Amino acid sequence: MEKFDIDAVARLAKLSIPPEDRNALRRDMEEILAFAQTLPEADAPDGSISVGLDALRPDSAADYPAAQLLSAAPESREGHFTVPAVMEE
């Protein structure tokens, strides 16, 4: 596996990672990615892998009026949430 470029990910995520934490974080991310690469080899009868996520709670959607949801948002415009841009042109 290639060396994980923690600086590139930090820039993309707009994170400031102290220099003394970069090596440890790089190792952690490399371990996570190495584990993720083993998942296709896992013996899952139906082709999917579940780690007990469905044991937490049933997944259900609740109906809320749009006005109620938008009233909780820091900013909205014309019936939509307004969020800061995360990518530069």
N, C-alpha and C. Protein backbone atom coordinates (compact mmCIF):
# COMPACT_ATOMS: atom_id res chain seq x y z
N MET A 1 0.85 -1.18 0.00
CA MET A 1 0.00 0.00 0.00
C MET A 1 0.89 1.24 0.00
N GLU A 2 0.43 2.26 -0.71
CA GLU A 2 1.17 3.52 -0.72
C GLU A 2 1.08 4.20 0.63
N LYS A 3 2.04 5.07 0.89
CA LYS A 3 2.03 5.83 2.13
C LYS A 3 0.85 6.80 2.10
N PHE A 4 0.08 6.83 3.18
CA PHE A 4 -1.10 7.67 3.28
C PHE A 4 -0.68 9.13 3.39
N ASP A 5 -1.21 9.98 2.53
CA ASP A 5 -0.84 11.41 2.51
C ASP A 5 -1.76 12.20 3.45
N ILE A 6 -1.37 12.23 4.71
CA ILE A 6 -2.17 12.89 5.73
C ILE A 6 -2.28 14.39 5.47
N ASP A 7 -1.24 14.99 4.89
CA ASP A 7 -1.28 16.43 4.61
C ASP A 7 -2.33 16.76 3.56
N ALA A 8 -2.44 15.93 2.53
CA ALA A 8 -3.44 16.16 1.48
C ALA A 8 -4.85 16.03 2.04
N VAL A 9 -5.07 15.02 2.86
CA VAL A 9 -6.40 14.83 3.46
C VAL A 9 -6.72 15.99 4.40
N ALA A 10 -5.75 16.43 5.16
CA ALA A 10 -5.97 17.55 6.08
C ALA A 10 -6.35 18.81 5.30
N ARG A 11 -5.67 19.05 4.17
CA ARG A 11 -6.02 20.22 3.34
C ARG A 11 -7.44 20.11 2.81
N LEU A 12 -7.79 18.94 2.29
CA LEU A 12 -9.13 18.75 1.73
C LEU A 12 -10.21 18.91 2.80
N ALA A 13 -9.93 18.43 4.01
CA ALA A 13 -10.90 18.51 5.10
C ALA A 13 -10.80 19.81 5.87
N LYS A 14 -9.86 20.66 5.46
CA LYS A 14 -9.63 21.94 6.13
C LYS A 14 -9.36 21.73 7.62
N LEU A 15 -8.48 20.75 7.90
CA LEU A 15 -8.09 20.44 9.28
C LEU A 15 -6.67 20.93 9.53
N SER A 16 -6.45 21.35 10.74
CA SER A 16 -5.10 21.73 11.15
C SER A 16 -4.60 20.64 12.08
N ILE A 17 -3.63 19.86 11.60
CA ILE A 17 -3.10 18.75 12.38
C ILE A 17 -1.70 19.14 12.85
N PRO A 18 -1.50 19.17 14.17
CA PRO A 18 -0.18 19.52 14.68
C PRO A 18 0.88 18.54 14.15
N PRO A 19 2.06 19.04 13.82
CA PRO A 19 3.12 18.18 13.28
C PRO A 19 3.42 16.95 14.14
N GLU A 20 3.34 17.11 15.45
CA GLU A 20 3.67 15.99 16.33
C GLU A 20 2.61 14.88 16.30
N ASP A 21 1.41 15.17 15.76
CA ASP A 21 0.34 14.17 15.68
C ASP A 21 0.26 13.50 14.31
N ARG A 22 0.95 14.01 13.32
CA ARG A 22 0.79 13.53 11.94
C ARG A 22 1.22 12.08 11.74
N ASN A 23 2.36 11.69 12.31
CA ASN A 23 2.81 10.31 12.11
C ASN A 23 1.86 9.29 12.72
N ALA A 24 1.39 9.57 13.93
CA ALA A 24 0.45 8.65 14.58
C ALA A 24 -0.85 8.57 13.78
N LEU A 25 -1.35 9.71 13.33
CA LEU A 25 -2.59 9.73 12.56
C LEU A 25 -2.39 9.00 11.23
N ARG A 26 -1.25 9.19 10.60
CA ARG A 26 -0.94 8.51 9.34
C ARG A 26 -0.97 6.99 9.54
N ARG A 27 -0.33 6.52 10.62
CA ARG A 27 -0.32 5.07 10.91
C ARG A 27 -1.74 4.56 11.15
N ASP A 28 -2.53 5.31 11.92
CA ASP A 28 -3.91 4.91 12.18
C ASP A 28 -4.71 4.79 10.88
N MET A 29 -4.57 5.79 10.02
CA MET A 29 -5.31 5.77 8.75
C MET A 29 -4.85 4.62 7.86
N GLU A 30 -3.56 4.34 7.84
CA GLU A 30 -3.06 3.22 7.04
C GLU A 30 -3.61 1.90 7.56
N GLU A 31 -3.72 1.75 8.88
CA GLU A 31 -4.30 0.53 9.45
C GLU A 31 -5.78 0.41 9.09
N ILE A 32 -6.51 1.50 9.16
CA ILE A 32 -7.94 1.49 8.81
C ILE A 32 -8.12 1.12 7.34
N LEU A 33 -7.32 1.72 6.47
CA LEU A 33 -7.42 1.42 5.04
C LEU A 33 -7.02 -0.02 4.74
N ALA A 34 -6.00 -0.53 5.42
CA ALA A 34 -5.60 -1.92 5.23
C ALA A 34 -6.72 -2.86 5.65
N PHE A 35 -7.39 -2.55 6.74
CA PHE A 35 -8.52 -3.37 7.17
C PHE A 35 -9.65 -3.30 6.14
N ALA A 36 -9.95 -2.11 5.66
CA ALA A 36 -11.03 -1.94 4.68
C ALA A 36 -10.76 -2.76 3.42
N GLN A 37 -9.49 -2.89 3.06
CA GLN A 37 -9.15 -3.67 1.87
C GLN A 37 -9.39 -5.16 2.07
N THR A 38 -9.47 -5.62 3.30
CA THR A 38 -9.73 -7.04 3.56
C THR A 38 -11.22 -7.37 3.51
N LEU A 39 -12.08 -6.37 3.57
CA LEU A 39 -13.52 -6.63 3.63
C LEU A 39 -14.08 -7.40 2.44
N PRO A 40 -13.62 -7.16 1.21
CA PRO A 40 -14.16 -7.96 0.11
C PRO A 40 -13.87 -9.46 0.26
N GLU A 41 -12.88 -9.82 1.04
CA GLU A 41 -12.54 -11.23 1.24
C GLU A 41 -13.37 -11.87 2.35
N ALA A 42 -14.12 -11.08 3.09
CA ALA A 42 -14.89 -11.61 4.22
C ALA A 42 -15.99 -12.54 3.71
N ASP A 43 -16.28 -13.56 4.50
CA ASP A 43 -17.30 -14.53 4.14
C ASP A 43 -18.65 -14.03 4.64
N ALA A 44 -19.37 -13.34 3.78
CA ALA A 44 -20.69 -12.81 4.13
C ALA A 44 -21.71 -13.52 3.24
N PRO A 45 -22.64 -14.28 3.84
CA PRO A 45 -23.56 -15.09 3.05
C PRO A 45 -24.36 -14.32 2.00
N ASP A 46 -24.82 -13.14 2.33
CA ASP A 46 -25.64 -12.40 1.37
C ASP A 46 -24.85 -11.32 0.64
N GLY A 47 -23.54 -11.33 0.79
CA GLY A 47 -22.70 -10.37 0.09
C GLY A 47 -22.55 -9.04 0.81
N SER A 48 -23.18 -8.90 1.96
CA SER A 48 -23.05 -7.65 2.70
C SER A 48 -22.42 -7.93 4.05
N ILE A 49 -21.83 -6.91 4.60
CA ILE A 49 -21.19 -7.05 5.91
C ILE A 49 -21.88 -6.08 6.85
N SER A 50 -22.36 -6.61 7.95
CA SER A 50 -23.01 -5.78 8.96
C SER A 50 -22.34 -6.06 10.30
N VAL A 51 -22.04 -5.00 11.00
CA VAL A 51 -21.36 -5.15 12.28
C VAL A 51 -22.33 -4.79 13.40
N GLY A 52 -23.51 -5.32 13.34
CA GLY A 52 -24.48 -5.08 14.39
C GLY A 52 -25.10 -3.69 14.36
N LEU A 53 -25.01 -3.01 13.24
CA LEU A 53 -25.56 -1.66 13.19
C LEU A 53 -27.07 -1.66 13.35
N ASP A 54 -27.71 -2.71 12.86
CA ASP A 54 -29.16 -2.75 12.97
C ASP A 54 -29.62 -3.02 14.40
N ALA A 55 -28.70 -3.38 15.29
CA ALA A 55 -29.06 -3.64 16.68
C ALA A 55 -29.22 -2.35 17.47
N LEU A 56 -28.78 -1.23 16.90
CA LEU A 56 -28.84 0.03 17.65
C LEU A 56 -30.25 0.57 17.74
N ARG A 57 -30.92 0.65 16.61
CA ARG A 57 -32.29 1.16 16.58
C ARG A 57 -32.85 0.90 15.19
N PRO A 58 -34.15 0.83 15.09
CA PRO A 58 -34.72 0.69 13.74
C PRO A 58 -34.53 2.00 12.97
N ASP A 59 -34.31 1.89 11.70
CA ASP A 59 -34.15 3.08 10.86
C ASP A 59 -35.53 3.52 10.41
N SER A 60 -35.92 4.70 10.80
CA SER A 60 -37.23 5.20 10.39
C SER A 60 -37.15 6.70 10.16
N ALA A 61 -37.97 7.16 9.28
CA ALA A 61 -38.01 8.59 8.97
C ALA A 61 -39.19 9.22 9.70
N ALA A 62 -38.99 10.40 10.19
CA ALA A 62 -40.07 11.14 10.84
C ALA A 62 -40.48 12.28 9.93
N ASP A 63 -41.75 12.58 9.95
CA ASP A 63 -42.25 13.68 9.14
C ASP A 63 -42.29 14.96 9.99
N TYR A 64 -41.55 15.95 9.54
CA TYR A 64 -41.56 17.25 10.19
C TYR A 64 -41.89 18.29 9.13
N PRO A 65 -42.67 19.29 9.50
CA PRO A 65 -42.93 20.36 8.55
C PRO A 65 -41.63 21.08 8.18
N ALA A 66 -41.47 21.39 6.91
CA ALA A 66 -40.25 22.05 6.43
C ALA A 66 -39.98 23.34 7.21
N ALA A 67 -41.01 24.09 7.50
CA ALA A 67 -40.83 25.36 8.21
C ALA A 67 -40.22 25.12 9.59
N GLN A 68 -40.62 24.04 10.25
CA GLN A 68 -40.07 23.73 11.57
C GLN A 68 -38.58 23.39 11.46
N LEU A 69 -38.21 22.61 10.47
CA LEU A 69 -36.80 22.26 10.28
C LEU A 69 -35.98 23.49 9.92
N LEU A 70 -36.49 24.29 9.01
CA LEU A 70 -35.75 25.48 8.59
C LEU A 70 -35.60 26.50 9.71
N SER A 71 -36.56 26.53 10.62
CA SER A 71 -36.48 27.48 11.73
C SER A 71 -35.32 27.15 12.67
N ALA A 72 -34.87 25.90 12.67
CA ALA A 72 -33.75 25.49 13.52
C ALA A 72 -32.40 25.71 12.85
N ALA A 73 -32.43 26.02 11.56
CA ALA A 73 -31.18 26.20 10.81
C ALA A 73 -30.59 27.58 11.08
N PRO A 74 -29.26 27.68 11.11
CA PRO A 74 -28.63 28.99 11.30
C PRO A 74 -28.99 29.95 10.17
N GLU A 75 -29.15 29.41 8.95
CA GLU A 75 -29.47 30.25 7.80
C GLU A 75 -30.32 29.45 6.81
N SER A 76 -31.27 30.13 6.18
CA SER A 76 -32.04 29.51 5.11
C SER A 76 -32.45 30.60 4.13
N ARG A 77 -32.76 30.14 2.89
CA ARG A 77 -33.17 31.09 1.88
C ARG A 77 -34.13 30.39 0.93
N GLU A 78 -35.25 31.01 0.67
CA GLU A 78 -36.25 30.51 -0.27
C GLU A 78 -36.63 29.05 0.01
N GLY A 79 -36.79 28.71 1.28
CA GLY A 79 -37.23 27.36 1.65
C GLY A 79 -36.15 26.30 1.62
N HIS A 80 -34.87 26.71 1.58
CA HIS A 80 -33.77 25.76 1.55
C HIS A 80 -32.74 26.12 2.61
N PHE A 81 -32.02 25.10 3.09
CA PHE A 81 -30.91 25.35 4.00
C PHE A 81 -29.80 26.07 3.25
N THR A 82 -29.15 27.00 3.91
CA THR A 82 -27.99 27.70 3.34
C THR A 82 -26.77 27.21 4.11
N VAL A 83 -25.78 26.73 3.36
CA VAL A 83 -24.55 26.23 3.99
C VAL A 83 -23.36 26.92 3.35
N PRO A 84 -22.27 27.05 4.08
CA PRO A 84 -21.07 27.69 3.48
C PRO A 84 -20.49 26.80 2.39
N ALA A 85 -19.92 27.44 1.40
CA ALA A 85 -19.24 26.70 0.32
C ALA A 85 -18.02 26.01 0.91
N VAL A 86 -17.76 24.79 0.45
CA VAL A 86 -16.60 24.06 0.95
C VAL A 86 -15.54 23.85 -0.13
N MET A 87 -15.88 24.17 -1.35
CA MET A 87 -14.91 24.01 -2.44
C MET A 87 -14.71 25.35 -3.14
N GLU A 88 -13.50 25.59 -3.48
CA GLU A 88 -13.19 26.83 -4.22
C GLU A 88 -13.27 26.55 -5.71
N GLU A 89 -13.61 27.56 -6.46
CA GLU A 89 -13.70 27.38 -7.92
C GLU A 89 -12.35 27.58 -8.56
